[in-house]
Every structure is written in structure tokens, then in C-alpha cells.
PDB file of N, CA and C in Angstrom:
ATOM      1  N   MET A   1      15.419 -44.748 -30.504  1.00  0.00           N
ATOM      2  CA  MET A   1      15.174 -43.353 -30.254  1.00  0.00           C
ATOM      3  C   MET A   1      14.301 -43.242 -29.007  1.00  0.00           C
ATOM      4  N   ASP A   2      14.697 -42.366 -28.109  1.00  0.00           N
ATOM      5  CA  ASP A   2      13.938 -42.170 -26.875  1.00  0.00           C
ATOM      6  C   ASP A   2      12.741 -41.277 -27.139  1.00  0.00           C
ATOM      7  N   LYS A   3      11.614 -41.726 -26.612  1.00  0.00           N
ATOM      8  CA  LYS A   3      10.411 -40.889 -26.715  1.00  0.00           C
ATOM      9  C   LYS A   3      10.354 -39.967 -25.514  1.00  0.00           C
ATOM     10  N   LEU A   4       9.808 -38.798 -25.743  1.00  0.00           N
ATOM     11  CA  LEU A   4       9.653 -37.847 -24.654  1.00  0.00           C
ATOM     12  C   LEU A   4       8.431 -38.226 -23.823  1.00  0.00           C
ATOM     13  N   SER A   5       8.571 -38.136 -22.525  1.00  0.00           N
ATOM     14  CA  SER A   5       7.431 -38.410 -21.657  1.00  0.00           C
ATOM     15  C   SER A   5       6.499 -37.205 -21.667  1.00  0.00           C
ATOM     16  N   PHE A   6       5.312 -37.420 -21.113  1.00  0.00           N
ATOM     17  CA  PHE A   6       4.341 -36.338 -21.043  1.00  0.00           C
ATOM     18  C   PHE A   6       4.903 -35.175 -20.245  1.00  0.00           C
ATOM     19  N   LYS A   7       5.602 -35.488 -19.153  1.00  0.00           N
ATOM     20  CA  LYS A   7       6.200 -34.445 -18.313  1.00  0.00           C
ATOM     21  C   LYS A   7       7.226 -33.640 -19.106  1.00  0.00           C
ATOM     22  N   ASP A   8       8.049 -34.303 -19.895  1.00  0.00           N
ATOM     23  CA  ASP A   8       9.043 -33.608 -20.716  1.00  0.00           C
ATOM     24  C   ASP A   8       8.374 -32.685 -21.736  1.00  0.00           C
ATOM     25  N   LYS A   9       7.304 -33.183 -22.355  1.00  0.00           N
ATOM     26  CA  LYS A   9       6.579 -32.361 -23.329  1.00  0.00           C
ATOM     27  C   LYS A   9       5.972 -31.125 -22.662  1.00  0.00           C
ATOM     28  N   MET A  10       5.433 -31.320 -21.463  1.00  0.00           N
ATOM     29  CA  MET A  10       4.839 -30.193 -20.745  1.00  0.00           C
ATOM     30  C   MET A  10       5.907 -29.170 -20.335  1.00  0.00           C
ATOM     31  N   GLU A  11       7.080 -29.629 -19.958  1.00  0.00           N
ATOM     32  CA  GLU A  11       8.168 -28.709 -19.603  1.00  0.00           C
ATOM     33  C   GLU A  11       8.629 -27.917 -20.816  1.00  0.00           C
ATOM     34  N   ILE A  12       8.664 -28.553 -21.976  1.00  0.00           N
ATOM     35  CA  ILE A  12       9.031 -27.853 -23.209  1.00  0.00           C
ATOM     36  C   ILE A  12       7.978 -26.792 -23.537  1.00  0.00           C
ATOM     37  N   MET A  13       6.696 -27.162 -23.405  1.00  0.00           N
ATOM     38  CA  MET A  13       5.623 -26.204 -23.671  1.00  0.00           C
ATOM     39  C   MET A  13       5.676 -25.038 -22.679  1.00  0.00           C
ATOM     40  N   GLU A  14       5.993 -25.334 -21.420  1.00  0.00           N
ATOM     41  CA  GLU A  14       6.115 -24.279 -20.417  1.00  0.00           C
ATOM     42  C   GLU A  14       7.236 -23.306 -20.782  1.00  0.00           C
ATOM     43  N   ALA A  15       8.353 -23.842 -21.235  1.00  0.00           N
ATOM     44  CA  ALA A  15       9.479 -22.991 -21.621  1.00  0.00           C
ATOM     45  C   ALA A  15       9.113 -22.111 -22.816  1.00  0.00           C
ATOM     46  N   ILE A  16       8.427 -22.680 -23.783  1.00  0.00           N
ATOM     47  CA  ILE A  16       8.016 -21.915 -24.964  1.00  0.00           C
ATOM     48  C   ILE A  16       7.045 -20.811 -24.568  1.00  0.00           C
ATOM     49  N   CYS A  17       6.072 -21.140 -23.714  1.00  0.00           N
ATOM     50  CA  CYS A  17       5.093 -20.142 -23.271  1.00  0.00           C
ATOM     51  C   CYS A  17       5.765 -19.028 -22.455  1.00  0.00           C
ATOM     52  N   THR A  18       6.742 -19.386 -21.649  1.00  0.00           N
ATOM     53  CA  THR A  18       7.461 -18.390 -20.863  1.00  0.00           C
ATOM     54  C   THR A  18       8.188 -17.410 -21.782  1.00  0.00           C
ATOM     55  N   ILE A  19       8.805 -17.931 -22.817  1.00  0.00           N
ATOM     56  CA  ILE A  19       9.499 -17.072 -23.781  1.00  0.00           C
ATOM     57  C   ILE A  19       8.517 -16.147 -24.484  1.00  0.00           C
ATOM     58  N   ILE A  20       7.368 -16.685 -24.893  1.00  0.00           N
ATOM     59  CA  ILE A  20       6.362 -15.881 -25.592  1.00  0.00           C
ATOM     60  C   ILE A  20       5.848 -14.765 -24.682  1.00  0.00           C
ATOM     61  N   VAL A  21       5.536 -15.097 -23.442  1.00  0.00           N
ATOM     62  CA  VAL A  21       5.028 -14.094 -22.503  1.00  0.00           C
ATOM     63  C   VAL A  21       6.080 -13.012 -22.237  1.00  0.00           C
ATOM     64  N   SER A  22       7.333 -13.415 -22.122  1.00  0.00           N
ATOM     65  CA  SER A  22       8.404 -12.439 -21.885  1.00  0.00           C
ATOM     66  C   SER A  22       8.549 -11.480 -23.065  1.00  0.00           C
ATOM     67  N   VAL A  23       8.493 -12.012 -24.263  1.00  0.00           N
ATOM     68  CA  VAL A  23       8.598 -11.165 -25.460  1.00  0.00           C
ATOM     69  C   VAL A  23       7.413 -10.206 -25.523  1.00  0.00           C
ATOM     70  N   MET A  24       6.208 -10.696 -25.192  1.00  0.00           N
ATOM     71  CA  MET A  24       5.027  -9.828 -25.218  1.00  0.00           C
ATOM     72  C   MET A  24       5.130  -8.726 -24.168  1.00  0.00           C
ATOM     73  N   ALA A  25       5.677  -9.043 -22.993  1.00  0.00           N
ATOM     74  CA  ALA A  25       5.836  -8.036 -21.940  1.00  0.00           C
ATOM     75  C   ALA A  25       6.818  -6.952 -22.376  1.00  0.00           C
ATOM     76  N   ILE A  26       7.911  -7.352 -22.986  1.00  0.00           N
ATOM     77  CA  ILE A  26       8.896  -6.379 -23.472  1.00  0.00           C
ATOM     78  C   ILE A  26       8.285  -5.521 -24.577  1.00  0.00           C
ATOM     79  N   TRP A  27       7.561  -6.161 -25.469  1.00  0.00           N
ATOM     80  CA  TRP A  27       6.908  -5.449 -26.564  1.00  0.00           C
ATOM     81  C   TRP A  27       5.898  -4.435 -26.014  1.00  0.00           C
ATOM     82  N   GLY A  28       5.107  -4.828 -25.032  1.00  0.00           N
ATOM     83  CA  GLY A  28       4.136  -3.922 -24.427  1.00  0.00           C
ATOM     84  C   GLY A  28       4.802  -2.736 -23.756  1.00  0.00           C
ATOM     85  N   THR A  29       5.935  -2.984 -23.113  1.00  0.00           N
ATOM     86  CA  THR A  29       6.668  -1.891 -22.464  1.00  0.00           C
ATOM     87  C   THR A  29       7.183  -0.906 -23.502  1.00  0.00           C
ATOM     88  N   VAL A  30       7.690  -1.404 -24.601  1.00  0.00           N
ATOM     89  CA  VAL A  30       8.197  -0.524 -25.669  1.00  0.00           C
ATOM     90  C   VAL A  30       7.057   0.292 -26.269  1.00  0.00           C
ATOM     91  N   VAL A  31       5.921  -0.337 -26.502  1.00  0.00           N
ATOM     92  CA  VAL A  31       4.768   0.383 -27.059  1.00  0.00           C
ATOM     93  C   VAL A  31       4.297   1.459 -26.090  1.00  0.00           C
ATOM     94  N   ALA A  32       4.248   1.124 -24.792  1.00  0.00           N
ATOM     95  CA  ALA A  32       3.841   2.112 -23.791  1.00  0.00           C
ATOM     96  C   ALA A  32       4.823   3.277 -23.757  1.00  0.00           C
ATOM     97  N   TRP A  33       6.098   2.978 -23.885  1.00  0.00           N
ATOM     98  CA  TRP A  33       7.129   4.026 -23.896  1.00  0.00           C
ATOM     99  C   TRP A  33       6.929   4.949 -25.099  1.00  0.00           C
ATOM    100  N   GLU A  34       6.668   4.354 -26.264  1.00  0.00           N
ATOM    101  CA  GLU A  34       6.482   5.148 -27.476  1.00  0.00           C
ATOM    102  C   GLU A  34       5.252   6.047 -27.385  1.00  0.00           C
ATOM    103  N   ASN A  35       4.237   5.592 -26.696  1.00  0.00           N
ATOM    104  CA  ASN A  35       3.002   6.375 -26.579  1.00  0.00           C
ATOM    105  C   ASN A  35       3.042   7.389 -25.449  1.00  0.00           C
ATOM    106  N   GLY A  36       4.154   7.453 -24.715  1.00  0.00           N
ATOM    107  CA  GLY A  36       4.303   8.441 -23.663  1.00  0.00           C
ATOM    108  C   GLY A  36       3.598   8.091 -22.370  1.00  0.00           C
ATOM    109  N   PHE A  37       3.232   6.829 -22.200  1.00  0.00           N
ATOM    110  CA  PHE A  37       2.509   6.412 -20.999  1.00  0.00           C
ATOM    111  C   PHE A  37       3.316   6.667 -19.741  1.00  0.00           C
ATOM    112  N   TRP A  38       4.602   6.331 -19.764  1.00  0.00           N
ATOM    113  CA  TRP A  38       5.433   6.490 -18.569  1.00  0.00           C
ATOM    114  C   TRP A  38       5.599   7.966 -18.214  1.00  0.00           C
ATOM    115  N   HIS A  39       5.656   8.834 -19.238  1.00  0.00           N
ATOM    116  CA  HIS A  39       5.753  10.266 -18.979  1.00  0.00           C
ATOM    117  C   HIS A  39       4.478  10.777 -18.299  1.00  0.00           C
ATOM    118  N   LYS A  40       3.327  10.256 -18.736  1.00  0.00           N
ATOM    119  CA  LYS A  40       2.060  10.667 -18.141  1.00  0.00           C
ATOM    120  C   LYS A  40       1.981  10.214 -16.687  1.00  0.00           C
ATOM    121  N   ILE A  41       2.415   8.988 -16.402  1.00  0.00           N
ATOM    122  CA  ILE A  41       2.408   8.482 -15.031  1.00  0.00           C
ATOM    123  C   ILE A  41       3.333   9.321 -14.157  1.00  0.00           C
ATOM    124  N   LYS A  42       4.516   9.672 -14.676  1.00  0.00           N
ATOM    125  CA  LYS A  42       5.457  10.492 -13.911  1.00  0.00           C
ATOM    126  C   LYS A  42       4.858  11.868 -13.639  1.00  0.00           C
ATOM    127  N   HIS A  43       4.172  12.428 -14.615  1.00  0.00           N
ATOM    128  CA  HIS A  43       3.545  13.733 -14.438  1.00  0.00           C
ATOM    129  C   HIS A  43       2.485  13.680 -13.331  1.00  0.00           C
ATOM    130  N   ILE A  44       1.669  12.639 -13.312  1.00  0.00           N
ATOM    131  CA  ILE A  44       0.648  12.493 -12.267  1.00  0.00           C
ATOM    132  C   ILE A  44       1.300  12.341 -10.906  1.00  0.00           C
ATOM    133  N   ALA A  45       2.338  11.510 -10.818  1.00  0.00           N
ATOM    134  CA  ALA A  45       3.028  11.301  -9.537  1.00  0.00           C
ATOM    135  C   ALA A  45       3.664  12.601  -9.052  1.00  0.00           C
ATOM    136  N   ASP A  46       4.273  13.367  -9.951  1.00  0.00           N
ATOM    137  CA  ASP A  46       4.879  14.646  -9.569  1.00  0.00           C
ATOM    138  C   ASP A  46       3.820  15.635  -9.076  1.00  0.00           C
ATOM    139  N   HIS A  47       2.668  15.628  -9.729  1.00  0.00           N
ATOM    140  CA  HIS A  47       1.585  16.539  -9.339  1.00  0.00           C
ATOM    141  C   HIS A  47       1.072  16.206  -7.931  1.00  0.00           C
ATOM    142  N   VAL A  48       0.824  14.923  -7.686  1.00  0.00           N
ATOM    143  CA  VAL A  48       0.342  14.514  -6.361  1.00  0.00           C
ATOM    144  C   VAL A  48       1.415  14.787  -5.305  1.00  0.00           C
ATOM    145  N   HIS A  49       2.673  14.542  -5.644  1.00  0.00           N
ATOM    146  CA  HIS A  49       3.763  14.804  -4.712  1.00  0.00           C
ATOM    147  C   HIS A  49       3.827  16.299  -4.361  1.00  0.00           C
ATOM    148  N   ALA A  50       3.650  17.154  -5.357  1.00  0.00           N
ATOM    149  CA  ALA A  50       3.666  18.599  -5.113  1.00  0.00           C
ATOM    150  C   ALA A  50       2.505  19.008  -4.203  1.00  0.00           C
ATOM    151  N   GLN A  51       1.342  18.396  -4.399  1.00  0.00           N
ATOM    152  CA  GLN A  51       0.193  18.692  -3.538  1.00  0.00           C
ATOM    153  C   GLN A  51       0.486  18.291  -2.092  1.00  0.00           C
ATOM    154  N   ILE A  52       1.052  17.118  -1.923  1.00  0.00           N
ATOM    155  CA  ILE A  52       1.366  16.640  -0.572  1.00  0.00           C
ATOM    156  C   ILE A  52       2.403  17.542   0.087  1.00  0.00           C
ATOM    157  N   GLU A  53       3.437  17.947  -0.660  1.00  0.00           N
ATOM    158  CA  GLU A  53       4.449  18.851  -0.104  1.00  0.00           C
ATOM    159  C   GLU A  53       3.838  20.190   0.306  1.00  0.00           C
ATOM    160  N   ALA A  54       2.922  20.698  -0.504  1.00  0.00           N
ATOM    161  CA  ALA A  54       2.272  21.967  -0.171  1.00  0.00           C
ATOM    162  C   ALA A  54       1.459  21.838   1.117  1.00  0.00           C
ATOM    163  N   GLU A  55       0.788  20.725   1.274  1.00  0.00           N
ATOM    164  CA  GLU A  55       0.005  20.499   2.492  1.00  0.00           C
ATOM    165  C   GLU A  55       0.917  20.347   3.711  1.00  0.00           C
ATOM    166  N   GLU A  56       2.047  19.675   3.519  1.00  0.00           N
ATOM    167  CA  GLU A  56       2.985  19.503   4.632  1.00  0.00           C
ATOM    168  C   GLU A  56       3.576  20.846   5.067  1.00  0.00           C
ATOM    169  N   GLN A  57       3.890  21.698   4.106  1.00  0.00           N
ATOM    170  CA  GLN A  57       4.471  22.994   4.429  1.00  0.00           C
ATOM    171  C   GLN A  57       3.464  23.909   5.112  1.00  0.00           C
ATOM    172  N   SER A  58       2.186  23.744   4.784  1.00  0.00           N
ATOM    173  CA  SER A  58       1.172  24.568   5.435  1.00  0.00           C
ATOM    174  C   SER A  58       0.827  24.034   6.820  1.00  0.00           C
ATOM    175  N   GLY A  59       1.311  22.820   7.135  1.00  0.00           N
ATOM    176  CA  GLY A  59       1.096  22.254   8.464  1.00  0.00           C
ATOM    177  C   GLY A  59      -0.259  21.603   8.642  1.00  0.00           C
ATOM    178  N   ARG A  60      -0.972  21.397   7.564  1.00  0.00           N
ATOM    179  CA  ARG A  60      -2.300  20.785   7.648  1.00  0.00           C
ATOM    180  C   ARG A  60      -2.200  19.297   7.331  1.00  0.00           C
ATOM    181  N   GLU A  61      -2.246  18.480   8.341  1.00  0.00           N
ATOM    182  CA  GLU A  61      -2.167  17.027   8.151  1.00  0.00           C
ATOM    183  C   GLU A  61      -3.466  16.471   7.575  1.00  0.00           C
ATOM    184  N   ASP A  62      -4.601  17.134   7.856  1.00  0.00           N
ATOM    185  CA  ASP A  62      -5.875  16.644   7.329  1.00  0.00           C
ATOM    186  C   ASP A  62      -5.947  16.809   5.807  1.00  0.00           C
ATOM    187  N   GLY A  63      -5.196  17.772   5.272  1.00  0.00           N
ATOM    188  CA  GLY A  63      -5.149  17.959   3.825  1.00  0.00           C
ATOM    189  C   GLY A  63      -4.486  16.800   3.125  1.00  0.00           C
ATOM    190  N   ILE A  64      -3.450  16.251   3.751  1.00  0.00           N
ATOM    191  CA  ILE A  64      -2.759  15.094   3.174  1.00  0.00           C
ATOM    192  C   ILE A  64      -3.703  13.908   3.139  1.00  0.00           C
ATOM    193  N   ALA A  65      -4.460  13.707   4.210  1.00  0.00           N
ATOM    194  CA  ALA A  65      -5.420  12.599   4.256  1.00  0.00           C
ATOM    195  C   ALA A  65      -6.475  12.765   3.158  1.00  0.00           C
ATOM    196  N   LYS A  66      -6.896  14.001   2.882  1.00  0.00           N
ATOM    197  CA  LYS A  66      -7.881  14.240   1.823  1.00  0.00           C
ATOM    198  C   LYS A  66      -7.305  13.896   0.446  1.00  0.00           C
ATOM    199  N   ILE A  67      -6.043  14.252   0.237  1.00  0.00           N
ATOM    200  CA  ILE A  67      -5.401  13.935  -1.046  1.00  0.00           C
ATOM    201  C   ILE A  67      -5.318  12.421  -1.220  1.00  0.00           C
ATOM    202  N   ILE A  68      -4.918  11.722  -0.173  1.00  0.00           N
ATOM    203  CA  ILE A  68      -4.804  10.266  -0.238  1.00  0.00           C
ATOM    204  C   ILE A  68      -6.173   9.639  -0.481  1.00  0.00           C
ATOM    205  N   ASP A  69      -7.209  10.139   0.180  1.00  0.00           N
ATOM    206  CA  ASP A  69      -8.562   9.622  -0.041  1.00  0.00           C
ATOM    207  C   ASP A  69      -9.010   9.843  -1.470  1.00  0.00           C
ATOM    208  N   THR A  70      -8.669  11.012  -2.037  1.00  0.00           N
ATOM    209  CA  THR A  70      -9.040  11.309  -3.423  1.00  0.00           C
ATOM    210  C   THR A  70      -8.367  10.327  -4.382  1.00  0.00           C
ATOM    211  N   VAL A  71      -7.093  10.027  -4.130  1.00  0.00           N
ATOM    212  CA  VAL A  71      -6.371   9.081  -4.989  1.00  0.00           C
ATOM    213  C   VAL A  71      -6.959   7.680  -4.835  1.00  0.00           C
ATOM    214  N   LYS A  72      -7.320   7.280  -3.633  1.00  0.00           N
ATOM    215  CA  LYS A  72      -7.916   5.959  -3.418  1.00  0.00           C
ATOM    216  C   LYS A  72      -9.269   5.836  -4.091  1.00  0.00           C
ATOM    217  N   LYS A  73     -10.049   6.916  -4.100  1.00  0.00           N
ATOM    218  CA  LYS A  73     -11.367   6.886  -4.753  1.00  0.00           C
ATOM    219  C   LYS A  73     -11.219   6.735  -6.263  1.00  0.00           C
ATOM    220  N   ALA A  74     -10.119   7.258  -6.820  1.00  0.00           N
ATOM    221  CA  ALA A  74      -9.901   7.199  -8.266  1.00  0.00           C
ATOM    222  C   ALA A  74      -9.567   5.781  -8.729  1.00  0.00           C
ATOM    223  N   GLU A  75      -9.152   4.936  -7.802  1.00  0.00           N
ATOM    224  CA  GLU A  75      -8.811   3.552  -8.162  1.00  0.00           C
ATOM    225  C   GLU A  75     -10.049   2.868  -8.534  1.00  0.00           C
TER     226      GLU A  75
END
């Protein structure tokens, strides 16, 4: 019977960990979807987009820079 080398064992462990991480990522996405997280993000993006469009239509370029600065400060 052939014994597995250390490298083979590590590759098997890597594959198992990759599968576990992938399942956890999918699970997290489903939970976020159920809690309405993506809807909230879309609402924020739509709101900021509407603000930028309003500033563009008024012809004030400095207003757009202020909106962008406000979003950067929130990070």
C-alpha cells in the first residue's frame, strides 16, 4: 500500500479547506440576501446616484466633489 507523502496530505487538506470556505461564502450570501442587506446597499447606491445626477443637472461640479468627500469620510 502506498503511503501519502506530506505534500499529498497538504494538498488534500487544502482542497477540503477550499470546499469549506466556498460553502461558508455561499451560506453568508444567502443569509445576507434573506436579511435584505443587498436591498439596503442598492438603496444607498441609488440615493447617492440621484444626488450626483441632481448636482450634474444644476451644473455645480463642486457639489459632486462634496458628495464624494462625504462618502469617503463615511468609510
